[in-house]
Amino acid sequence: MARYQYDVTIIGGGWGGLTAARLAHALGARTCLVDKERL
């Protein structure tokens, strides 16, 4: 199984989650966004 390392994991791909993921990425964080639906 592959292993990944992230600085930030965001649960939920709604507007708040997407905004948080974009901001974290813009600040240089390795970001993982998890949602129950396909993004």
PDB file of N, CA and C in Angstrom:
ATOM      1  N   MET A   1       0.842  -1.174   0.000  1.00  0.00           N
ATOM      2  CA  MET A   1       0.000   0.000   0.000  1.00  0.00           C
ATOM      3  C   MET A   1       0.893   1.246   0.000  1.00  0.00           C
ATOM      4  N   ALA A   2       0.521   2.217  -0.792  1.00  0.00           N
ATOM      5  CA  ALA A   2       1.265   3.475  -0.852  1.00  0.00           C
ATOM      6  C   ALA A   2       1.042   4.284   0.426  1.00  0.00           C
ATOM      7  N   ARG A   3       2.074   5.007   0.822  1.00  0.00           N
ATOM      8  CA  ARG A   3       1.972   5.876   2.000  1.00  0.00           C
ATOM      9  C   ARG A   3       2.197   7.306   1.548  1.00  0.00           C
ATOM     10  N   TYR A   4       1.394   8.195   2.077  1.00  0.00           N
ATOM     11  CA  TYR A   4       1.487   9.603   1.732  1.00  0.00           C
ATOM     12  C   TYR A   4       1.631  10.411   3.011  1.00  0.00           C
ATOM     13  N   GLN A   5       2.302  11.534   2.915  1.00  0.00           N
ATOM     14  CA  GLN A   5       2.474  12.406   4.073  1.00  0.00           C
ATOM     15  C   GLN A   5       1.961  13.797   3.720  1.00  0.00           C
ATOM     16  N   TYR A   6       1.065  14.315   4.556  1.00  0.00           N
ATOM     17  CA  TYR A   6       0.462  15.625   4.340  1.00  0.00           C
ATOM     18  C   TYR A   6       0.672  16.496   5.566  1.00  0.00           C
ATOM     19  N   ASP A   7       0.688  17.800   5.344  1.00  0.00           N
ATOM     20  CA  ASP A   7       0.744  18.751   6.444  1.00  0.00           C
ATOM     21  C   ASP A   7      -0.654  19.034   6.979  1.00  0.00           C
ATOM     22  N   VAL A   8      -1.645  19.011   6.082  1.00  0.00           N
ATOM     23  CA  VAL A   8      -3.029  19.342   6.436  1.00  0.00           C
ATOM     24  C   VAL A   8      -3.956  18.332   5.775  1.00  0.00           C
ATOM     25  N   THR A   9      -4.913  17.809   6.538  1.00  0.00           N
ATOM     26  CA  THR A   9      -5.974  16.976   5.978  1.00  0.00           C
ATOM     27  C   THR A   9      -7.294  17.667   6.261  1.00  0.00           C
ATOM     28  N   ILE A  10      -8.075  17.889   5.211  1.00  0.00           N
ATOM     29  CA  ILE A  10      -9.351  18.588   5.328  1.00  0.00           C
ATOM     30  C   ILE A  10     -10.459  17.595   5.016  1.00  0.00           C
ATOM     31  N   ILE A  11     -11.419  17.493   5.923  1.00  0.00           N
ATOM     32  CA  ILE A  11     -12.542  16.588   5.758  1.00  0.00           C
ATOM     33  C   ILE A  11     -13.734  17.395   5.263  1.00  0.00           C
ATOM     34  N   GLY A  12     -14.221  17.070   4.082  1.00  0.00           N
ATOM     35  CA  GLY A  12     -15.389  17.749   3.516  1.00  0.00           C
ATOM     36  C   GLY A  12     -15.003  18.655   2.364  1.00  0.00           C
ATOM     37  N   GLY A  13     -15.645  18.435   1.231  1.00  0.00           N
ATOM     38  CA  GLY A  13     -15.329  19.190   0.028  1.00  0.00           C
ATOM     39  C   GLY A  13     -16.348  20.252  -0.306  1.00  0.00           C
ATOM     40  N   GLY A  14     -17.043  20.761   0.705  1.00  0.00           N
ATOM     41  CA  GLY A  14     -17.966  21.874   0.467  1.00  0.00           C
ATOM     42  C   GLY A  14     -17.178  23.154   0.262  1.00  0.00           C
ATOM     43  N   TRP A  15     -17.898  24.272   0.227  1.00  0.00           N
ATOM     44  CA  TRP A  15     -17.226  25.553  -0.014  1.00  0.00           C
ATOM     45  C   TRP A  15     -16.157  25.844   1.034  1.00  0.00           C
ATOM     46  N   GLY A  16     -16.451  25.555   2.287  1.00  0.00           N
ATOM     47  CA  GLY A  16     -15.470  25.809   3.345  1.00  0.00           C
ATOM     48  C   GLY A  16     -14.234  24.937   3.206  1.00  0.00           C
ATOM     49  N   GLY A  17     -14.440  23.651   2.923  1.00  0.00           N
ATOM     50  CA  GLY A  17     -13.315  22.737   2.748  1.00  0.00           C
ATOM     51  C   GLY A  17     -12.461  23.091   1.550  1.00  0.00           C
ATOM     52  N   LEU A  18     -13.107  23.437   0.443  1.00  0.00           N
ATOM     53  CA  LEU A  18     -12.362  23.823  -0.757  1.00  0.00           C
ATOM     54  C   LEU A  18     -11.563  25.099  -0.534  1.00  0.00           C
ATOM     55  N   THR A  19     -12.172  26.049   0.170  1.00  0.00           N
ATOM     56  CA  THR A  19     -11.475  27.303   0.467  1.00  0.00           C
ATOM     57  C   THR A  19     -10.277  27.047   1.378  1.00  0.00           C
ATOM     58  N   ALA A  20     -10.474  26.224   2.401  1.00  0.00           N
ATOM     59  CA  ALA A  20      -9.379  25.901   3.319  1.00  0.00           C
ATOM     60  C   ALA A  20      -8.250  25.174   2.590  1.00  0.00           C
ATOM     61  N   ALA A  21      -8.598  24.244   1.709  1.00  0.00           N
ATOM     62  CA  ALA A  21      -7.586  23.503   0.957  1.00  0.00           C
ATOM     63  C   ALA A  21      -6.798  24.431   0.036  1.00  0.00           C
ATOM     64  N   ARG A  22      -7.491  25.318  -0.622  1.00  0.00           N
ATOM     65  CA  ARG A  22      -6.816  26.258  -1.533  1.00  0.00           C
ATOM     66  C   ARG A  22      -5.879  27.188  -0.759  1.00  0.00           C
ATOM     67  N   LEU A  23      -6.337  27.691   0.372  1.00  0.00           N
ATOM     68  CA  LEU A  23      -5.512  28.582   1.182  1.00  0.00           C
ATOM     69  C   LEU A  23      -4.291  27.847   1.732  1.00  0.00           C
ATOM     70  N   ALA A  24      -4.498  26.638   2.245  1.00  0.00           N
ATOM     71  CA  ALA A  24      -3.379  25.860   2.783  1.00  0.00           C
ATOM     72  C   ALA A  24      -2.349  25.576   1.691  1.00  0.00           C
ATOM     73  N   HIS A  25      -2.821  25.219   0.512  1.00  0.00           N
ATOM     74  CA  HIS A  25      -1.912  24.954  -0.607  1.00  0.00           C
ATOM     75  C   HIS A  25      -1.151  26.220  -1.010  1.00  0.00           C
ATOM     76  N   ALA A  26      -1.847  27.334  -1.037  1.00  0.00           N
ATOM     77  CA  ALA A  26      -1.209  28.606  -1.396  1.00  0.00           C
ATOM     78  C   ALA A  26      -0.119  28.988  -0.394  1.00  0.00           C
ATOM     79  N   LEU A  27      -0.275  28.551   0.855  1.00  0.00           N
ATOM     80  CA  LEU A  27       0.719  28.832   1.891  1.00  0.00           C
ATOM     81  C   LEU A  27       1.842  27.800   1.920  1.00  0.00           C
ATOM     82  N   GLY A  28       1.781  26.830   1.006  1.00  0.00           N
ATOM     83  CA  GLY A  28       2.858  25.857   0.880  1.00  0.00           C
ATOM     84  C   GLY A  28       2.647  24.539   1.590  1.00  0.00           C
ATOM     85  N   ALA A  29       1.468  24.303   2.151  1.00  0.00           N
ATOM     86  CA  ALA A  29       1.202  23.055   2.860  1.00  0.00           C
ATOM     87  C   ALA A  29       0.880  21.939   1.870  1.00  0.00           C
ATOM     88  N   ARG A  30       1.347  20.741   2.182  1.00  0.00           N
ATOM     89  CA  ARG A  30       0.944  19.557   1.417  1.00  0.00           C
ATOM     90  C   ARG A  30      -0.438  19.185   1.934  1.00  0.00           C
ATOM     91  N   THR A  31      -1.435  19.284   1.073  1.00  0.00           N
ATOM     92  CA  THR A  31      -2.829  19.250   1.495  1.00  0.00           C
ATOM     93  C   THR A  31      -3.555  18.028   0.944  1.00  0.00           C
ATOM     94  N   CYS A  32      -4.344  17.395   1.801  1.00  0.00           N
ATOM     95  CA  CYS A  32      -5.203  16.282   1.409  1.00  0.00           C
ATOM     96  C   CYS A  32      -6.645  16.690   1.688  1.00  0.00           C
ATOM     97  N   LEU A  33      -7.496  16.583   0.681  1.00  0.00           N
ATOM     98  CA  LEU A  33      -8.914  16.903   0.824  1.00  0.00           C
ATOM     99  C   LEU A  33      -9.703  15.610   0.684  1.00  0.00           C
ATOM    100  N   VAL A  34     -10.504  15.278   1.700  1.00  0.00           N
ATOM    101  CA  VAL A  34     -11.275  14.040   1.716  1.00  0.00           C
ATOM    102  C   VAL A  34     -12.757  14.386   1.688  1.00  0.00           C
ATOM    103  N   ASP A  35     -13.488  13.745   0.773  1.00  0.00           N
ATOM    104  CA  ASP A  35     -14.924  13.974   0.668  1.00  0.00           C
ATOM    105  C   ASP A  35     -15.610  12.651   0.361  1.00  0.00           C
ATOM    106  N   LYS A  36     -16.873  12.519   0.713  1.00  0.00           N
ATOM    107  CA  LYS A  36     -17.582  11.268   0.457  1.00  0.00           C
ATOM    108  C   LYS A  36     -17.924  11.088  -1.019  1.00  0.00           C
ATOM    109  N   GLU A  37     -17.984  12.173  -1.760  1.00  0.00           N
ATOM    110  CA  GLU A  37     -18.261  12.120  -3.194  1.00  0.00           C
ATOM    111  C   GLU A  37     -16.966  12.272  -3.979  1.00  0.00           C
ATOM    112  N   ARG A  38     -17.024  11.947  -5.249  1.00  0.00           N
ATOM    113  CA  ARG A  38     -15.863  12.133  -6.120  1.00  0.00           C
ATOM    114  C   ARG A  38     -15.707  13.614  -6.438  1.00  0.00           C
ATOM    115  N   LEU A  39     -14.494  14.136  -6.321  1.00  0.00           N
ATOM    116  CA  LEU A  39     -14.240  15.552  -6.587  1.00  0.00           C
ATOM    117  C   LEU A  39     -13.887  15.769  -8.038  1.00  0.00           C
TER     118      LEU A  39
END
